[in-house]
């Protein structure tokens, strides 16, 4: 009789928390990361005070919002649409919000 690779090796109950019980037991969860009180997070929670103070340019924000509105309306932008989207993003915020409202109502 030959042995399979699964018969030997590390204790799978320790490696996979869902291999024992129903996966909801507190005793089966991963230990908390360094500096954390409780939980199964691999990274510490974000600290808003440590975020960089740079914001996104309004023109870039309008460009991203226009991309999202077009995609949500079922009109994914193509590479050849880049010039048109850049031109529309250069317009004022009120014009861009009107365009996005029109696209939203096409759904």
N, C-alpha and C. Protein backbone atom coordinates (compact mmCIF):
# COMPACT_ATOMS: atom_id res chain seq x y z
N UNK A 1 0.85 -1.18 0.00
CA UNK A 1 0.00 0.00 0.00
C UNK A 1 0.89 1.24 0.00
N UNK A 2 0.59 2.19 -0.88
CA UNK A 2 1.38 3.40 -0.93
C UNK A 2 0.66 4.52 -0.20
N UNK A 3 1.43 5.38 0.39
CA UNK A 3 0.87 6.49 1.15
C UNK A 3 0.66 7.69 0.22
N UNK A 4 -0.37 8.45 0.48
CA UNK A 4 -0.59 9.68 -0.28
C UNK A 4 0.11 10.83 0.43
N UNK A 5 0.28 11.91 -0.27
CA UNK A 5 0.96 13.07 0.31
C UNK A 5 0.15 13.70 1.43
N UNK A 6 -1.14 13.45 1.47
CA UNK A 6 -2.00 14.08 2.47
C UNK A 6 -1.94 13.41 3.83
N UNK A 7 -1.37 12.21 3.89
CA UNK A 7 -1.30 11.51 5.16
C UNK A 7 -0.23 12.09 6.07
N UNK A 8 0.74 12.78 5.53
CA UNK A 8 1.85 13.31 6.32
C UNK A 8 1.90 14.82 6.16
N UNK A 9 2.61 15.47 7.03
CA UNK A 9 2.79 16.90 6.91
C UNK A 9 2.28 17.62 8.15
N UNK A 10 2.12 18.93 8.05
CA UNK A 10 1.70 19.71 9.22
C UNK A 10 0.26 19.39 9.61
N UNK A 11 -0.06 19.76 10.81
CA UNK A 11 -1.42 19.59 11.31
C UNK A 11 -2.33 20.57 10.56
N UNK A 12 -3.21 20.06 9.72
CA UNK A 12 -4.05 20.93 8.90
C UNK A 12 -5.06 21.72 9.73
N UNK A 13 -5.39 21.26 10.91
CA UNK A 13 -6.30 22.02 11.76
C UNK A 13 -5.65 23.33 12.20
N UNK A 14 -4.32 23.34 12.33
CA UNK A 14 -3.64 24.57 12.71
C UNK A 14 -3.46 25.49 11.50
N UNK A 15 -3.19 24.95 10.34
CA UNK A 15 -2.94 25.74 9.15
C UNK A 15 -4.23 26.35 8.61
N UNK A 16 -5.30 25.59 8.58
CA UNK A 16 -6.57 26.05 8.03
C UNK A 16 -7.60 26.17 9.15
N UNK A 17 -8.02 27.39 9.51
CA UNK A 17 -8.96 27.53 10.62
C UNK A 17 -10.33 26.94 10.31
N UNK A 18 -10.65 26.73 9.05
CA UNK A 18 -11.95 26.19 8.69
C UNK A 18 -11.94 24.66 8.62
N UNK A 19 -10.76 24.04 8.86
CA UNK A 19 -10.67 22.59 8.80
C UNK A 19 -11.23 21.94 10.05
N UNK A 20 -11.41 22.70 11.13
CA UNK A 20 -11.92 22.18 12.39
C UNK A 20 -13.21 22.90 12.71
N UNK A 21 -14.20 22.18 13.11
CA UNK A 21 -15.47 22.79 13.51
C UNK A 21 -16.17 23.44 12.32
N UNK A 22 -16.99 24.41 12.61
CA UNK A 22 -17.74 25.07 11.54
C UNK A 22 -17.10 26.37 11.10
N UNK A 23 -15.94 26.73 11.61
CA UNK A 23 -15.24 27.94 11.18
C UNK A 23 -15.71 29.20 11.88
N UNK A 24 -16.70 29.06 12.77
CA UNK A 24 -17.19 30.24 13.46
C UNK A 24 -16.76 30.28 14.91
N UNK A 25 -16.15 29.21 15.39
CA UNK A 25 -15.69 29.17 16.77
C UNK A 25 -14.56 30.16 16.99
N UNK A 26 -14.58 30.86 18.10
CA UNK A 26 -13.53 31.82 18.41
C UNK A 26 -12.19 31.11 18.62
N UNK A 27 -12.23 29.85 19.04
CA UNK A 27 -10.99 29.12 19.28
C UNK A 27 -10.28 28.73 17.99
N UNK A 28 -10.95 28.83 16.85
CA UNK A 28 -10.40 28.40 15.58
C UNK A 28 -9.83 29.58 14.80
N UNK A 29 -10.07 30.81 15.20
CA UNK A 29 -9.62 31.99 14.45
C UNK A 29 -8.11 32.16 14.55
N UNK A 30 -7.59 32.91 13.58
CA UNK A 30 -6.16 33.22 13.58
C UNK A 30 -5.85 34.11 14.78
N UNK A 31 -4.63 34.01 15.28
CA UNK A 31 -4.27 34.91 16.39
C UNK A 31 -4.17 36.34 15.88
N UNK A 32 -4.42 37.33 16.75
CA UNK A 32 -4.36 38.72 16.29
C UNK A 32 -2.93 39.11 15.90
N UNK A 33 -2.83 40.05 14.96
CA UNK A 33 -1.53 40.54 14.52
C UNK A 33 -0.90 41.35 15.64
N UNK A 34 0.39 41.59 15.51
CA UNK A 34 1.11 42.36 16.53
C UNK A 34 0.51 43.74 16.66
N UNK A 35 0.24 44.15 17.89
CA UNK A 35 -0.31 45.47 18.14
C UNK A 35 -1.83 45.53 18.09
N UNK A 36 -2.49 44.41 17.85
CA UNK A 36 -3.95 44.40 17.80
C UNK A 36 -4.50 43.73 19.04
N UNK A 37 -5.67 44.22 19.47
CA UNK A 37 -6.30 43.64 20.65
C UNK A 37 -6.99 42.33 20.32
N UNK A 38 -7.80 42.31 19.27
CA UNK A 38 -8.56 41.10 18.92
C UNK A 38 -8.91 41.17 17.45
N UNK A 39 -9.10 40.04 16.84
CA UNK A 39 -9.51 40.01 15.45
C UNK A 39 -8.61 39.11 14.64
N UNK A 40 -8.97 38.95 13.38
CA UNK A 40 -8.19 38.09 12.51
C UNK A 40 -7.63 38.90 11.33
N UNK A 41 -7.21 40.13 11.56
CA UNK A 41 -6.67 40.98 10.52
C UNK A 41 -5.18 40.72 10.35
N UNK A 42 -4.72 40.76 9.12
CA UNK A 42 -3.30 40.59 8.86
C UNK A 42 -2.56 41.92 8.95
N UNK A 43 -3.26 43.02 8.74
CA UNK A 43 -2.67 44.35 8.82
C UNK A 43 -3.34 45.14 9.92
N UNK A 44 -2.62 46.09 10.52
CA UNK A 44 -3.28 46.92 11.52
C UNK A 44 -4.32 47.82 10.86
N UNK A 45 -5.32 48.27 11.61
CA UNK A 45 -6.33 49.13 11.01
C UNK A 45 -5.72 50.46 10.55
N UNK A 46 -6.30 51.09 9.53
CA UNK A 46 -5.73 52.34 9.03
C UNK A 46 -5.86 53.46 10.05
N UNK A 47 -4.93 54.38 9.98
CA UNK A 47 -4.94 55.56 10.86
C UNK A 47 -5.06 56.79 9.97
N UNK A 48 -6.22 57.45 9.96
CA UNK A 48 -6.42 58.60 9.08
C UNK A 48 -5.39 59.70 9.28
N UNK A 49 -4.84 59.85 10.45
CA UNK A 49 -3.87 60.91 10.70
C UNK A 49 -2.57 60.68 9.93
N UNK A 50 -2.29 59.42 9.57
CA UNK A 50 -1.05 59.10 8.85
C UNK A 50 -1.20 59.19 7.34
N UNK A 51 -2.38 59.48 6.83
CA UNK A 51 -2.58 59.55 5.38
C UNK A 51 -1.91 60.79 4.81
N UNK A 52 -1.39 60.69 3.60
CA UNK A 52 -0.79 61.87 2.99
C UNK A 52 -1.85 62.93 2.73
N UNK A 53 -1.45 64.18 2.81
CA UNK A 53 -2.40 65.28 2.66
C UNK A 53 -2.68 65.67 1.22
N UNK A 54 -2.21 64.89 0.26
CA UNK A 54 -2.44 65.25 -1.13
C UNK A 54 -3.82 64.79 -1.56
N UNK A 55 -4.53 65.65 -2.22
CA UNK A 55 -5.84 65.31 -2.75
C UNK A 55 -5.76 65.11 -4.25
N UNK A 56 -6.83 64.64 -4.80
CA UNK A 56 -6.87 64.42 -6.24
C UNK A 56 -7.32 65.72 -6.91
N UNK A 57 -6.72 66.03 -8.03
CA UNK A 57 -7.06 67.23 -8.79
C UNK A 57 -8.52 67.15 -9.24
N UNK A 58 -9.27 68.25 -9.17
CA UNK A 58 -10.68 68.21 -9.59
C UNK A 58 -10.87 67.71 -11.02
N UNK A 59 -9.96 68.07 -11.91
CA UNK A 59 -10.07 67.61 -13.30
C UNK A 59 -9.91 66.09 -13.37
N UNK A 60 -8.95 65.54 -12.62
CA UNK A 60 -8.76 64.09 -12.59
C UNK A 60 -9.96 63.40 -11.97
N UNK A 61 -10.54 64.00 -10.93
CA UNK A 61 -11.72 63.42 -10.30
C UNK A 61 -12.89 63.38 -11.28
N UNK A 62 -13.08 64.47 -12.04
CA UNK A 62 -14.16 64.50 -13.04
C UNK A 62 -13.92 63.45 -14.13
N UNK A 63 -12.65 63.27 -14.51
CA UNK A 63 -12.33 62.26 -15.52
C UNK A 63 -12.67 60.86 -15.02
N UNK A 64 -12.29 60.55 -13.78
CA UNK A 64 -12.59 59.24 -13.21
C UNK A 64 -14.10 59.03 -13.05
N UNK A 65 -14.80 60.08 -12.60
CA UNK A 65 -16.25 59.97 -12.44
C UNK A 65 -16.93 59.79 -13.79
N UNK A 66 -16.42 60.43 -14.83
CA UNK A 66 -17.00 60.26 -16.16
C UNK A 66 -16.76 58.85 -16.68
N UNK A 67 -15.57 58.32 -16.46
CA UNK A 67 -15.29 56.92 -16.82
C UNK A 67 -16.26 55.98 -16.11
N UNK A 68 -16.46 56.20 -14.81
CA UNK A 68 -17.36 55.35 -14.03
C UNK A 68 -18.79 55.47 -14.51
N UNK A 69 -19.24 56.70 -14.81
CA UNK A 69 -20.62 56.90 -15.27
C UNK A 69 -20.85 56.25 -16.63
N UNK A 70 -19.87 56.37 -17.52
CA UNK A 70 -20.01 55.74 -18.84
C UNK A 70 -20.05 54.21 -18.71
N UNK A 71 -19.18 53.68 -17.88
CA UNK A 71 -19.15 52.23 -17.69
C UNK A 71 -20.44 51.73 -17.05
N UNK A 72 -20.96 52.46 -16.06
CA UNK A 72 -22.21 52.06 -15.41
C UNK A 72 -23.38 52.14 -16.37
N UNK A 73 -23.32 53.05 -17.35
CA UNK A 73 -24.40 53.19 -18.32
C UNK A 73 -24.28 52.16 -19.43
N UNK A 74 -23.26 51.31 -19.39
CA UNK A 74 -23.09 50.27 -20.40
C UNK A 74 -22.32 50.76 -21.62
N UNK A 75 -21.58 51.85 -21.46
CA UNK A 75 -20.79 52.41 -22.55
C UNK A 75 -19.34 52.48 -22.08
N UNK A 76 -18.64 51.36 -22.04
CA UNK A 76 -17.26 51.42 -21.55
C UNK A 76 -16.39 52.23 -22.50
N UNK A 77 -15.62 53.18 -21.97
CA UNK A 77 -14.78 54.00 -22.84
C UNK A 77 -13.72 53.17 -23.55
N UNK A 78 -13.49 53.50 -24.79
CA UNK A 78 -12.44 52.86 -25.58
C UNK A 78 -11.20 53.74 -25.58
N UNK A 79 -10.06 53.19 -25.95
CA UNK A 79 -8.85 54.00 -25.98
C UNK A 79 -8.97 55.23 -26.90
N UNK A 80 -9.70 55.12 -27.98
CA UNK A 80 -9.84 56.26 -28.89
C UNK A 80 -10.76 57.35 -28.32
N UNK A 81 -11.45 57.07 -27.21
CA UNK A 81 -12.32 58.06 -26.57
C UNK A 81 -11.55 58.94 -25.58
N UNK A 82 -10.29 58.68 -25.43
CA UNK A 82 -9.50 59.38 -24.42
C UNK A 82 -9.50 60.90 -24.62
N UNK A 83 -9.34 61.35 -25.85
CA UNK A 83 -9.30 62.80 -26.11
C UNK A 83 -10.62 63.46 -25.76
N UNK A 84 -11.73 62.81 -26.10
CA UNK A 84 -13.05 63.37 -25.79
C UNK A 84 -13.27 63.43 -24.27
N UNK A 85 -12.86 62.39 -23.57
CA UNK A 85 -13.03 62.37 -22.12
C UNK A 85 -12.15 63.43 -21.46
N UNK A 86 -10.94 63.62 -21.97
CA UNK A 86 -10.07 64.66 -21.43
C UNK A 86 -10.67 66.05 -21.66
N UNK A 87 -11.27 66.26 -22.83
CA UNK A 87 -11.89 67.56 -23.13
C UNK A 87 -13.09 67.80 -22.23
N UNK A 88 -13.90 66.77 -22.03
CA UNK A 88 -15.07 66.92 -21.16
C UNK A 88 -14.66 67.13 -19.70
N UNK A 89 -13.57 66.51 -19.29
CA UNK A 89 -13.10 66.67 -17.91
C UNK A 89 -12.58 68.07 -17.65
N UNK A 90 -12.16 68.76 -18.70
CA UNK A 90 -11.64 70.13 -18.55
C UNK A 90 -12.77 71.13 -18.32
N UNK A 91 -14.01 70.74 -18.63
CA UNK A 91 -15.14 71.64 -18.42
C UNK A 91 -15.46 71.75 -16.93
N UNK A 92 -16.33 72.65 -16.59
CA UNK A 92 -16.65 72.90 -15.17
C UNK A 92 -17.33 71.69 -14.53
N UNK A 93 -17.34 71.70 -13.21
CA UNK A 93 -17.96 70.61 -12.47
C UNK A 93 -19.45 70.51 -12.69
N UNK A 94 -20.13 71.65 -12.88
CA UNK A 94 -21.58 71.61 -13.10
C UNK A 94 -21.92 70.95 -14.45
N UNK A 95 -21.10 71.19 -15.45
CA UNK A 95 -21.34 70.55 -16.76
C UNK A 95 -21.11 69.06 -16.65
N UNK A 96 -20.07 68.67 -15.95
CA UNK A 96 -19.79 67.25 -15.78
C UNK A 96 -20.87 66.55 -14.97
N UNK A 97 -21.39 67.20 -13.94
CA UNK A 97 -22.46 66.57 -13.16
C UNK A 97 -23.73 66.43 -14.01
N UNK A 98 -23.98 67.39 -14.93
CA UNK A 98 -25.13 67.27 -15.83
C UNK A 98 -24.95 66.09 -16.78
N UNK A 99 -23.74 65.93 -17.33
CA UNK A 99 -23.47 64.80 -18.22
C UNK A 99 -23.65 63.49 -17.47
N UNK A 100 -23.15 63.43 -16.24
CA UNK A 100 -23.29 62.20 -15.46
C UNK A 100 -24.75 61.92 -15.11
N UNK A 101 -25.52 62.98 -14.85
CA UNK A 101 -26.95 62.79 -14.57
C UNK A 101 -27.65 62.23 -15.80
N UNK A 102 -27.32 62.75 -16.99
CA UNK A 102 -27.91 62.24 -18.22
C UNK A 102 -27.57 60.76 -18.40
N UNK A 103 -26.32 60.42 -18.15
CA UNK A 103 -25.90 59.00 -18.29
C UNK A 103 -26.60 58.13 -17.26
N UNK A 104 -26.80 58.65 -16.06
CA UNK A 104 -27.46 57.89 -15.02
C UNK A 104 -28.93 57.60 -15.39
N UNK A 105 -29.58 58.54 -16.06
CA UNK A 105 -30.98 58.36 -16.42
C UNK A 105 -31.16 57.47 -17.64
N UNK A 106 -30.07 57.11 -18.33
CA UNK A 106 -30.18 56.20 -19.46
C UNK A 106 -30.32 54.76 -19.01
N UNK A 107 -30.05 54.50 -17.73
CA UNK A 107 -30.15 53.13 -17.21
C UNK A 107 -31.53 52.70 -17.18
